[in-house]
């Protein structure tokens, strides 16, 4: 999960995302855990996401991934949730009976960005330095 490129961007973004099935039901038994993992891997391949770690337990999941900056966090979470719910309901209609209201995932999610070497303090230091050096023609570097 290092620097990646698209036709118009170079990026190194990593996100820790967490969400749960509707009503935090403990419905992600071992067979559904693997199903969710397989579905997410397929979505990642089709949309140029890179999954670093994916842990699915009975009542929630954690995913650590990188995706191109053309997508917002909300778009990525929406894709992962909607596609996986549709596939699971189609393959496992018995799951829909356990979740009243016809939704598989809760509406909300937790999101946190992470970085390797570029911490908040390094960015603040870079910006302070950049402000004091703005009259200088040379380009400063973050690392």
C-alpha atoms as a PDB file:
ATOM      1  CA  UNK A   1       0.000   0.000   0.000  1.00  0.00           C
ATOM      2  CA  UNK A   2       2.431   2.660  -1.186  1.00  0.00           C
ATOM      3  CA  UNK A   3       2.154   5.472  -3.708  1.00  0.00           C
ATOM      4  CA  UNK A   4      -0.376   4.787  -6.438  1.00  0.00           C
ATOM      5  CA  UNK A   5      -1.126   6.608  -9.666  1.00  0.00           C
ATOM      6  CA  UNK A   6      -4.126   7.333 -11.811  1.00  0.00           C
ATOM      7  CA  UNK A   7      -4.076   9.380 -14.998  1.00  0.00           C
ATOM      8  CA  UNK A   8      -4.515  12.611 -13.014  1.00  0.00           C
ATOM      9  CA  UNK A   9      -3.410  11.865  -9.466  1.00  0.00           C
ATOM     10  CA  UNK A  10      -0.665  10.399  -7.338  1.00  0.00           C
ATOM     11  CA  UNK A  11      -1.954   9.298  -3.961  1.00  0.00           C
ATOM     12  CA  UNK A  12      -1.211   7.386  -0.797  1.00  0.00           C
ATOM     13  CA  UNK A  13      -4.477   7.192   1.113  1.00  0.00           C
ATOM     14  CA  UNK A  14      -5.408   4.622   3.721  1.00  0.00           C
ATOM     15  CA  UNK A  15      -8.689   4.364   5.573  1.00  0.00           C
ATOM     16  CA  UNK A  16      -9.875   2.344   8.546  1.00  0.00           C
ATOM     17  CA  UNK A  17     -13.631   1.827   8.196  1.00  0.00           C
ATOM     18  CA  UNK A  18     -16.029   0.047  10.548  1.00  0.00           C
ATOM     19  CA  UNK A  19     -19.747  -0.720  10.336  1.00  0.00           C
ATOM     20  CA  UNK A  20     -22.261  -3.303  11.499  1.00  0.00           C
ATOM     21  CA  UNK A  21     -25.301  -5.206  10.282  1.00  0.00           C
ATOM     22  CA  UNK A  22     -28.638  -3.538  10.935  1.00  0.00           C
ATOM     23  CA  UNK A  23     -29.577  -3.538  14.624  1.00  0.00           C
ATOM     24  CA  UNK A  24     -26.077  -4.889  15.294  1.00  0.00           C
ATOM     25  CA  UNK A  25     -27.523  -8.358  14.786  1.00  0.00           C
ATOM     26  CA  UNK A  26     -25.007 -11.168  15.165  1.00  0.00           C
ATOM     27  CA  UNK A  27     -25.815 -12.611  11.733  1.00  0.00           C
ATOM     28  CA  UNK A  28     -22.363 -12.717  10.186  1.00  0.00           C
ATOM     29  CA  UNK A  29     -21.772 -16.390  10.906  1.00  0.00           C
ATOM     30  CA  UNK A  30     -18.709 -18.048   9.401  1.00  0.00           C
ATOM     31  CA  UNK A  31     -20.328 -18.729   6.006  1.00  0.00           C
ATOM     32  CA  UNK A  32     -21.495 -15.101   5.686  1.00  0.00           C
ATOM     33  CA  UNK A  33     -18.131 -13.821   6.940  1.00  0.00           C
ATOM     34  CA  UNK A  34     -16.394 -15.497   4.021  1.00  0.00           C
ATOM     35  CA  UNK A  35     -19.129 -14.366   1.623  1.00  0.00           C
ATOM     36  CA  UNK A  36     -18.655 -10.718   2.688  1.00  0.00           C
ATOM     37  CA  UNK A  37     -14.876 -11.038   2.280  1.00  0.00           C
ATOM     38  CA  UNK A  38     -15.259 -12.504  -1.220  1.00  0.00           C
ATOM     39  CA  UNK A  39     -17.741  -9.819  -2.277  1.00  0.00           C
ATOM     40  CA  UNK A  40     -15.520  -7.024  -0.968  1.00  0.00           C
ATOM     41  CA  UNK A  41     -12.495  -8.459  -2.780  1.00  0.00           C
ATOM     42  CA  UNK A  42     -14.443  -8.499  -6.044  1.00  0.00           C
ATOM     43  CA  UNK A  43     -15.636  -4.911  -5.531  1.00  0.00           C
ATOM     44  CA  UNK A  44     -12.044  -3.875  -4.779  1.00  0.00           C
ATOM     45  CA  UNK A  45     -10.775  -5.446  -7.991  1.00  0.00           C
ATOM     46  CA  UNK A  46     -13.534  -3.845 -10.082  1.00  0.00           C
ATOM     47  CA  UNK A  47     -13.008  -0.333  -8.639  1.00  0.00           C
ATOM     48  CA  UNK A  48      -9.234  -0.253  -8.152  1.00  0.00           C
ATOM     49  CA  UNK A  49      -9.370  -0.398  -4.338  1.00  0.00           C
ATOM     50  CA  UNK A  50      -6.647  -2.116  -2.360  1.00  0.00           C
ATOM     51  CA  UNK A  51      -7.729  -3.987   0.757  1.00  0.00           C
ATOM     52  CA  UNK A  52      -4.935  -4.236   3.290  1.00  0.00           C
ATOM     53  CA  UNK A  53      -6.905  -6.034   6.005  1.00  0.00           C
ATOM     54  CA  UNK A  54     -10.504  -7.143   6.286  1.00  0.00           C
ATOM     55  CA  UNK A  55     -11.842  -8.632   9.514  1.00  0.00           C
ATOM     56  CA  UNK A  56     -15.457  -9.741   9.698  1.00  0.00           C
ATOM     57  CA  UNK A  57     -16.955 -10.889  13.004  1.00  0.00           C
ATOM     58  CA  UNK A  58     -20.536 -11.792  13.879  1.00  0.00           C
ATOM     59  CA  UNK A  59     -21.780  -8.263  14.562  1.00  0.00           C
ATOM     60  CA  UNK A  60     -19.444  -5.860  12.702  1.00  0.00           C
ATOM     61  CA  UNK A  61     -16.497  -5.556  10.356  1.00  0.00           C
ATOM     62  CA  UNK A  62     -13.247  -3.623  10.077  1.00  0.00           C
ATOM     63  CA  UNK A  63     -11.663  -2.872   6.731  1.00  0.00           C
ATOM     64  CA  UNK A  64      -8.329  -1.151   6.106  1.00  0.00           C
ATOM     65  CA  UNK A  65      -8.149  -0.038   2.496  1.00  0.00           C
ATOM     66  CA  UNK A  66      -6.866   2.438  -0.029  1.00  0.00           C
ATOM     67  CA  UNK A  67      -8.865   3.821  -2.940  1.00  0.00           C
ATOM     68  CA  UNK A  68      -8.375   6.466  -5.649  1.00  0.00           C
ATOM     69  CA  UNK A  69      -9.161  10.068  -4.660  1.00  0.00           C
ATOM     70  CA  UNK A  70     -11.893  10.264  -7.309  1.00  0.00           C
ATOM     71  CA  UNK A  71     -14.077   8.474  -4.735  1.00  0.00           C
ATOM     72  CA  UNK A  72     -15.263   9.942  -1.460  1.00  0.00           C
ATOM     73  CA  UNK A  73     -15.321   7.849   1.704  1.00  0.00           C
ATOM     74  CA  UNK A  74     -19.124   7.899   1.590  1.00  0.00           C
ATOM     75  CA  UNK A  75     -19.131   6.614  -2.010  1.00  0.00           C
ATOM     76  CA  UNK A  76     -16.814   3.725  -1.169  1.00  0.00           C
ATOM     77  CA  UNK A  77     -18.773   2.742   1.936  1.00  0.00           C
ATOM     78  CA  UNK A  78     -21.991   3.014  -0.090  1.00  0.00           C
ATOM     79  CA  UNK A  79     -20.633   0.740  -2.816  1.00  0.00           C
ATOM     80  CA  UNK A  80     -19.359  -1.857  -0.367  1.00  0.00           C
ATOM     81  CA  UNK A  81     -22.594  -1.864   1.629  1.00  0.00           C
ATOM     82  CA  UNK A  82     -25.110  -1.796  -1.229  1.00  0.00           C
ATOM     83  CA  UNK A  83     -23.434  -4.352  -3.467  1.00  0.00           C
ATOM     84  CA  UNK A  84     -22.724  -6.767  -0.617  1.00  0.00           C
ATOM     85  CA  UNK A  85     -26.290  -6.472   0.753  1.00  0.00           C
ATOM     86  CA  UNK A  86     -27.804  -7.162  -2.667  1.00  0.00           C
ATOM     87  CA  UNK A  87     -25.621 -10.219  -3.228  1.00  0.00           C
ATOM     88  CA  UNK A  88     -26.203 -11.609   0.274  1.00  0.00           C
ATOM     89  CA  UNK A  89     -29.979 -11.147   0.097  1.00  0.00           C
ATOM     90  CA  UNK A  90     -30.043 -12.824  -3.334  1.00  0.00           C
ATOM     91  CA  UNK A  91     -27.941 -15.816  -2.228  1.00  0.00           C
ATOM     92  CA  UNK A  92     -29.299 -16.091   1.328  1.00  0.00           C
ATOM     93  CA  UNK A  93     -32.984 -15.067   1.457  1.00  0.00           C
ATOM     94  CA  UNK A  94     -33.212 -16.448   5.004  1.00  0.00           C
ATOM     95  CA  UNK A  95     -31.041 -13.543   6.190  1.00  0.00           C
ATOM     96  CA  UNK A  96     -33.680 -11.028   5.105  1.00  0.00           C
ATOM     97  CA  UNK A  97     -36.169 -12.678   7.475  1.00  0.00           C
ATOM     98  CA  UNK A  98     -33.859 -11.966  10.426  1.00  0.00           C
ATOM     99  CA  UNK A  99     -33.606  -8.270   9.534  1.00  0.00           C
ATOM    100  CA  UNK A 100     -36.927  -6.454   9.493  1.00  0.00           C
ATOM    101  CA  UNK A 101     -37.010  -3.391   7.260  1.00  0.00           C
ATOM    102  CA  UNK A 102     -35.160  -4.965   4.335  1.00  0.00           C
ATOM    103  CA  UNK A 103     -31.727  -3.461   5.044  1.00  0.00           C
ATOM    104  CA  UNK A 104     -28.595  -5.478   5.727  1.00  0.00           C
ATOM    105  CA  UNK A 105     -26.176  -2.820   7.036  1.00  0.00           C
ATOM    106  CA  UNK A 106     -26.635   0.014   9.535  1.00  0.00           C
ATOM    107  CA  UNK A 107     -26.792   3.480   8.002  1.00  0.00           C
ATOM    108  CA  UNK A 108     -23.700   4.828   9.773  1.00  0.00           C
ATOM    109  CA  UNK A 109     -20.022   3.964   9.779  1.00  0.00           C
ATOM    110  CA  UNK A 110     -16.747   4.898  11.449  1.00  0.00           C
ATOM    111  CA  UNK A 111     -13.923   6.297   9.307  1.00  0.00           C
ATOM    112  CA  UNK A 112     -10.337   7.240  10.143  1.00  0.00           C
ATOM    113  CA  UNK A 113      -7.504   8.146   7.816  1.00  0.00           C
ATOM    114  CA  UNK A 114      -4.025   6.887   8.516  1.00  0.00           C
ATOM    115  CA  UNK A 115      -0.544   7.612   7.304  1.00  0.00           C
ATOM    116  CA  UNK A 116       2.894   6.059   7.363  1.00  0.00           C
ATOM    117  CA  UNK A 117       5.428   8.829   7.742  1.00  0.00           C
ATOM    118  CA  UNK A 118       3.220  11.871   7.256  1.00  0.00           C
ATOM    119  CA  UNK A 119       1.745  12.643  10.659  1.00  0.00           C
ATOM    120  CA  UNK A 120      -0.281  15.682  11.709  1.00  0.00           C
ATOM    121  CA  UNK A 121       2.838  17.247  13.205  1.00  0.00           C
ATOM    122  CA  UNK A 122       4.876  16.790  10.018  1.00  0.00           C
ATOM    123  CA  UNK A 123       2.156  18.469   7.947  1.00  0.00           C
ATOM    124  CA  UNK A 124       1.894  21.360  10.440  1.00  0.00           C
ATOM    125  CA  UNK A 125       5.677  21.776  10.407  1.00  0.00           C
ATOM    126  CA  UNK A 126       5.710  21.704   6.587  1.00  0.00           C
ATOM    127  CA  UNK A 127       2.977  24.355   6.410  1.00  0.00           C
ATOM    128  CA  UNK A 128       4.760  26.616   8.939  1.00  0.00           C
ATOM    129  CA  UNK A 129       8.015  26.237   6.998  1.00  0.00           C
ATOM    130  CA  UNK A 130       6.243  26.830   3.691  1.00  0.00           C
ATOM    131  CA  UNK A 131       4.698  30.049   4.994  1.00  0.00           C
ATOM    132  CA  UNK A 132       8.068  31.439   6.125  1.00  0.00           C
ATOM    133  CA  UNK A 133       9.769  30.384   2.891  1.00  0.00           C
ATOM    134  CA  UNK A 134       7.095  31.455   0.391  1.00  0.00           C
ATOM    135  CA  UNK A 135       9.297  34.210  -1.051  1.00  0.00           C
ATOM    136  CA  UNK A 136      11.998  31.688  -1.828  1.00  0.00           C
ATOM    137  CA  UNK A 137      11.866  30.132  -5.330  1.00  0.00           C
ATOM    138  CA  UNK A 138      13.008  26.653  -4.255  1.00  0.00           C
ATOM    139  CA  UNK A 139      10.534  23.803  -3.652  1.00  0.00           C
ATOM    140  CA  UNK A 140      10.508  22.383  -0.140  1.00  0.00           C
ATOM    141  CA  UNK A 141       9.844  18.738   0.608  1.00  0.00           C
ATOM    142  CA  UNK A 142       7.777  17.005   3.276  1.00  0.00           C
ATOM    143  CA  UNK A 143      10.171  14.153   3.974  1.00  0.00           C
END
